[in-house]
Amino acid sequence: MKEDKKLIVSAIQNGTVIDHIPAHNLFNVISILGLDKITENQVTFGTNFKSDRLGRKAIIKVSGIYFKDSDINKIALVAPHAKLNIIKDYEVVEKNEVMVPEEIIGIAKCMNPKCITNHEAITTRFDVMDKNGNISLKCRYCQKITDQAHLEIIR
């Protein structure tokens, strides 16, 4: 007799769940949100779950933390279809989709090796360009355009 087996990830009482993250970008999202520096709150993540839309997806659960919209929207660079669920008393009380911000400050590296941001202590600044769902960044200093294939997150 074959028995169905399921792996259960425990629910959180209060906090945030970020779902529909492309599996290969899980650690970029963790870095963007600073989750690798959290020491007091429970952070649970899983990757390579089956997804009809993404093929493979990742999920992050953070107990006791509610992110600002501006923080969450930064993940749209690497997870443009991510969903954000706010949990209170084990119930989803709010669902949101990430939105691509108009500018990105201090999150990505300019791909131009001659850019001043790669040689001096200057915070990177980009204007976000969205062409038919393909996000690219235009450096405010050197005007070089970085596409998603060349996007490098500053850790």
C-alpha atoms as a PDB file:
ATOM      1  CA  MET A   1       0.000   0.000   0.000  1.00  0.00           C
ATOM      2  CA  LYS A   2       1.426   3.354  -1.080  1.00  0.00           C
ATOM      3  CA  GLU A   3       1.083   6.168   1.398  1.00  0.00           C
ATOM      4  CA  ASP A   4       1.082   9.853   0.404  1.00  0.00           C
ATOM      5  CA  LYS A   5       3.778  11.733   2.240  1.00  0.00           C
ATOM      6  CA  LYS A   6       3.932  15.484   2.684  1.00  0.00           C
ATOM      7  CA  LEU A   7       6.588  17.683   4.161  1.00  0.00           C
ATOM      8  CA  ILE A   8       4.966  20.267   6.375  1.00  0.00           C
ATOM      9  CA  VAL A   9       6.616  23.599   7.115  1.00  0.00           C
ATOM     10  CA  SER A  10       5.179  24.982  10.316  1.00  0.00           C
ATOM     11  CA  ALA A  11       2.864  27.955  10.125  1.00  0.00           C
ATOM     12  CA  ILE A  12       3.846  31.253  11.696  1.00  0.00           C
ATOM     13  CA  GLN A  13       1.600  33.029  14.165  1.00  0.00           C
ATOM     14  CA  ASN A  14       2.509  36.568  13.100  1.00  0.00           C
ATOM     15  CA  GLY A  15       4.827  37.790  10.383  1.00  0.00           C
ATOM     16  CA  THR A  16       5.401  37.750   6.648  1.00  0.00           C
ATOM     17  CA  VAL A  17       5.456  35.016   4.029  1.00  0.00           C
ATOM     18  CA  ILE A  18       7.083  35.731   0.662  1.00  0.00           C
ATOM     19  CA  ASP A  19       6.034  33.221  -1.974  1.00  0.00           C
ATOM     20  CA  HIS A  20       6.665  32.686  -5.705  1.00  0.00           C
ATOM     21  CA  ILE A  21      10.365  33.529  -5.580  1.00  0.00           C
ATOM     22  CA  PRO A  22      12.333  31.953  -8.462  1.00  0.00           C
ATOM     23  CA  ALA A  23      14.335  29.178  -6.766  1.00  0.00           C
ATOM     24  CA  HIS A  24      17.681  30.391  -8.146  1.00  0.00           C
ATOM     25  CA  ASN A  25      17.099  33.865  -6.623  1.00  0.00           C
ATOM     26  CA  LEU A  26      16.243  32.810  -3.057  1.00  0.00           C
ATOM     27  CA  PHE A  27      19.533  33.954  -1.550  1.00  0.00           C
ATOM     28  CA  ASN A  28      19.413  37.272  -3.437  1.00  0.00           C
ATOM     29  CA  VAL A  29      16.043  37.983  -1.783  1.00  0.00           C
ATOM     30  CA  ILE A  30      17.444  36.983   1.611  1.00  0.00           C
ATOM     31  CA  SER A  31      20.340  39.399   1.060  1.00  0.00           C
ATOM     32  CA  ILE A  32      18.182  42.280  -0.248  1.00  0.00           C
ATOM     33  CA  LEU A  33      15.938  42.102   2.823  1.00  0.00           C
ATOM     34  CA  GLY A  34      18.835  41.623   5.267  1.00  0.00           C
ATOM     35  CA  LEU A  35      17.397  38.326   6.508  1.00  0.00           C
ATOM     36  CA  ASP A  36      20.904  36.907   6.803  1.00  0.00           C
ATOM     37  CA  LYS A  37      21.503  39.382   9.655  1.00  0.00           C
ATOM     38  CA  ILE A  38      18.384  38.583  11.729  1.00  0.00           C
ATOM     39  CA  THR A  39      19.277  36.991  15.053  1.00  0.00           C
ATOM     40  CA  GLU A  40      16.099  37.212  17.136  1.00  0.00           C
ATOM     41  CA  ASN A  41      13.258  36.223  14.790  1.00  0.00           C
ATOM     42  CA  GLN A  42      12.551  32.829  13.272  1.00  0.00           C
ATOM     43  CA  VAL A  43      13.305  32.760   9.538  1.00  0.00           C
ATOM     44  CA  THR A  44      12.304  29.700   7.529  1.00  0.00           C
ATOM     45  CA  PHE A  45      12.999  29.243   3.850  1.00  0.00           C
ATOM     46  CA  GLY A  46      12.613  26.470   1.363  1.00  0.00           C
ATOM     47  CA  THR A  47      13.555  26.113  -2.249  1.00  0.00           C
ATOM     48  CA  ASN A  48      12.905  23.974  -5.311  1.00  0.00           C
ATOM     49  CA  PHE A  49       9.188  23.527  -4.669  1.00  0.00           C
ATOM     50  CA  LYS A  50       7.196  22.670  -7.800  1.00  0.00           C
ATOM     51  CA  SER A  51       5.469  25.641  -9.412  1.00  0.00           C
ATOM     52  CA  ASP A  52       3.317  25.664 -12.543  1.00  0.00           C
ATOM     53  CA  ARG A  53       4.295  29.244 -13.319  1.00  0.00           C
ATOM     54  CA  LEU A  54       7.994  29.251 -12.360  1.00  0.00           C
ATOM     55  CA  GLY A  55       8.974  25.612 -12.712  1.00  0.00           C
ATOM     56  CA  ARG A  56      10.739  25.731  -9.346  1.00  0.00           C
ATOM     57  CA  LYS A  57      10.035  28.278  -6.635  1.00  0.00           C
ATOM     58  CA  ALA A  58      11.218  29.279  -3.190  1.00  0.00           C
ATOM     59  CA  ILE A  59       9.370  30.574  -0.135  1.00  0.00           C
ATOM     60  CA  ILE A  60      10.459  32.590   2.917  1.00  0.00           C
ATOM     61  CA  LYS A  61       8.624  32.858   6.247  1.00  0.00           C
ATOM     62  CA  VAL A  62       9.689  35.501   8.766  1.00  0.00           C
ATOM     63  CA  SER A  63       8.109  35.473  12.203  1.00  0.00           C
ATOM     64  CA  GLY A  64       7.291  38.771  13.906  1.00  0.00           C
ATOM     65  CA  ILE A  65       8.455  41.053  11.085  1.00  0.00           C
ATOM     66  CA  TYR A  66       6.397  43.143   8.681  1.00  0.00           C
ATOM     67  CA  PHE A  67       8.447  44.737   5.924  1.00  0.00           C
ATOM     68  CA  LYS A  68       7.917  48.209   4.497  1.00  0.00           C
ATOM     69  CA  ASP A  69       6.544  48.278   0.957  1.00  0.00           C
ATOM     70  CA  SER A  70       9.753  49.922  -0.225  1.00  0.00           C
ATOM     71  CA  ASP A  71      11.811  47.003   1.102  1.00  0.00           C
ATOM     72  CA  ILE A  72       9.559  44.375  -0.402  1.00  0.00           C
ATOM     73  CA  ASN A  73       9.392  46.111  -3.759  1.00  0.00           C
ATOM     74  CA  LYS A  74      13.166  45.882  -4.080  1.00  0.00           C
ATOM     75  CA  ILE A  75      12.852  42.132  -4.499  1.00  0.00           C
ATOM     76  CA  ALA A  76      10.953  42.750  -7.745  1.00  0.00           C
ATOM     77  CA  LEU A  77      14.403  43.062  -9.343  1.00  0.00           C
ATOM     78  CA  VAL A  78      15.047  39.362  -8.838  1.00  0.00           C
ATOM     79  CA  ALA A  79      11.536  38.035  -8.120  1.00  0.00           C
ATOM     80  CA  PRO A  80       9.078  40.119 -10.169  1.00  0.00           C
ATOM     81  CA  HIS A  81       6.145  37.747  -9.515  1.00  0.00           C
ATOM     82  CA  ALA A  82       6.642  37.350  -5.773  1.00  0.00           C
ATOM     83  CA  LYS A  83       3.620  37.430  -3.495  1.00  0.00           C
ATOM     84  CA  LEU A  84       3.642  38.840   0.016  1.00  0.00           C
ATOM     85  CA  ASN A  85       1.281  37.477   2.671  1.00  0.00           C
ATOM     86  CA  ILE A  86       0.830  39.232   6.015  1.00  0.00           C
ATOM     87  CA  ILE A  87       0.026  36.750   8.779  1.00  0.00           C
ATOM     88  CA  LYS A  88      -1.728  37.613  12.061  1.00  0.00           C
ATOM     89  CA  ASP A  89      -2.898  34.942  14.502  1.00  0.00           C
ATOM     90  CA  TYR A  90      -2.055  32.216  11.938  1.00  0.00           C
ATOM     91  CA  GLU A  91      -4.387  33.788   9.335  1.00  0.00           C
ATOM     92  CA  VAL A  92      -3.529  35.586   6.093  1.00  0.00           C
ATOM     93  CA  VAL A  93      -4.927  39.078   6.613  1.00  0.00           C
ATOM     94  CA  GLU A  94      -3.374  40.769   3.596  1.00  0.00           C
ATOM     95  CA  LYS A  95      -1.984  39.668   0.229  1.00  0.00           C
ATOM     96  CA  ASN A  96       0.180  41.846  -1.993  1.00  0.00           C
ATOM     97  CA  GLU A  97       2.283  41.508  -5.122  1.00  0.00           C
ATOM     98  CA  VAL A  98       5.674  43.147  -5.345  1.00  0.00           C
ATOM     99  CA  MET A  99       5.892  46.240  -7.521  1.00  0.00           C
ATOM    100  CA  VAL A 100       8.944  47.313  -9.466  1.00  0.00           C
ATOM    101  CA  PRO A 101      10.243  50.556  -7.910  1.00  0.00           C
ATOM    102  CA  GLU A 102      11.230  53.565 -10.022  1.00  0.00           C
ATOM    103  CA  GLU A 103      14.720  53.754  -8.533  1.00  0.00           C
ATOM    104  CA  ILE A 104      17.143  51.430  -6.788  1.00  0.00           C
ATOM    105  CA  ILE A 105      19.662  52.810  -4.314  1.00  0.00           C
ATOM    106  CA  GLY A 106      22.551  50.808  -2.879  1.00  0.00           C
ATOM    107  CA  ILE A 107      21.251  47.352  -3.835  1.00  0.00           C
ATOM    108  CA  ALA A 108      22.855  46.539  -7.165  1.00  0.00           C
ATOM    109  CA  LYS A 109      26.317  46.986  -8.590  1.00  0.00           C
ATOM    110  CA  CYS A 110      26.960  48.897 -11.819  1.00  0.00           C
ATOM    111  CA  MET A 111      28.298  46.538 -14.469  1.00  0.00           C
ATOM    112  CA  ASN A 112      30.511  49.256 -15.972  1.00  0.00           C
ATOM    113  CA  PRO A 113      34.016  48.594 -14.591  1.00  0.00           C
ATOM    114  CA  LYS A 114      34.892  52.272 -15.165  1.00  0.00           C
ATOM    115  CA  CYS A 115      31.903  53.618 -13.216  1.00  0.00           C
ATOM    116  CA  ILE A 116      32.853  55.820 -10.264  1.00  0.00           C
ATOM    117  CA  THR A 117      30.713  53.637  -7.971  1.00  0.00           C
ATOM    118  CA  ASN A 118      33.154  50.779  -8.559  1.00  0.00           C
ATOM    119  CA  HIS A 119      36.190  52.850  -7.551  1.00  0.00           C
ATOM    120  CA  GLU A 120      35.030  55.201  -4.811  1.00  0.00           C
ATOM    121  CA  ALA A 121      32.777  54.950  -1.764  1.00  0.00           C
ATOM    122  CA  ILE A 122      29.684  56.171  -3.583  1.00  0.00           C
ATOM    123  CA  THR A 123      26.278  54.547  -3.161  1.00  0.00           C
ATOM    124  CA  THR A 124      24.917  53.172  -6.412  1.00  0.00           C
ATOM    125  CA  ARG A 125      21.762  54.762  -7.844  1.00  0.00           C
ATOM    126  CA  PHE A 126      19.775  53.385 -10.748  1.00  0.00           C
ATOM    127  CA  ASP A 127      16.633  54.313 -12.615  1.00  0.00           C
ATOM    128  CA  VAL A 128      14.556  51.204 -13.239  1.00  0.00           C
ATOM    129  CA  MET A 129      13.544  50.600 -16.829  1.00  0.00           C
ATOM    130  CA  ASP A 130      10.821  48.060 -17.571  1.00  0.00           C
ATOM    131  CA  LYS A 131      10.399  47.010 -21.178  1.00  0.00           C
ATOM    132  CA  ASN A 132       7.676  44.414 -21.649  1.00  0.00           C
ATOM    133  CA  GLY A 133       8.415  42.776 -18.305  1.00  0.00           C
ATOM    134  CA  ASN A 134      12.205  42.798 -18.763  1.00  0.00           C
ATOM    135  CA  ILE A 135      13.706  44.905 -16.014  1.00  0.00           C
ATOM    136  CA  SER A 136      16.981  46.737 -16.522  1.00  0.00           C
ATOM    137  CA  LEU A 137      18.785  49.391 -14.506  1.00  0.00           C
ATOM    138  CA  LYS A 138      20.277  52.637 -15.826  1.00  0.00           C
ATOM    139  CA  CYS A 139      23.141  53.965 -13.702  1.00  0.00           C
ATOM    140  CA  ARG A 140      22.668  57.589 -12.653  1.00  0.00           C
ATOM    141  CA  TYR A 141      26.432  58.177 -12.740  1.00  0.00           C
ATOM    142  CA  CYS A 142      27.674  56.585 -15.970  1.00  0.00           C
ATOM    143  CA  GLN A 143      24.348  55.937 -17.784  1.00  0.00           C
ATOM    144  CA  LYS A 144      25.317  52.287 -18.427  1.00  0.00           C
ATOM    145  CA  ILE A 145      22.333  49.944 -18.622  1.00  0.00           C
ATOM    146  CA  THR A 146      22.457  46.680 -16.682  1.00  0.00           C
ATOM    147  CA  ASP A 147      20.003  43.972 -17.734  1.00  0.00           C
ATOM    148  CA  GLN A 148      18.737  41.162 -15.486  1.00  0.00           C
ATOM    149  CA  ALA A 149      21.261  38.703 -16.896  1.00  0.00           C
ATOM    150  CA  HIS A 150      24.101  40.915 -15.630  1.00  0.00           C
ATOM    151  CA  LEU A 151      22.452  42.132 -12.418  1.00  0.00           C
ATOM    152  CA  GLU A 152      24.719  41.739  -9.398  1.00  0.00           C
ATOM    153  CA  ILE A 153      23.277  42.304  -5.946  1.00  0.00           C
ATOM    154  CA  ILE A 154      25.556  44.038  -3.436  1.00  0.00           C
ATOM    155  CA  ARG A 155      25.794  41.780  -0.390  1.00  0.00           C
END
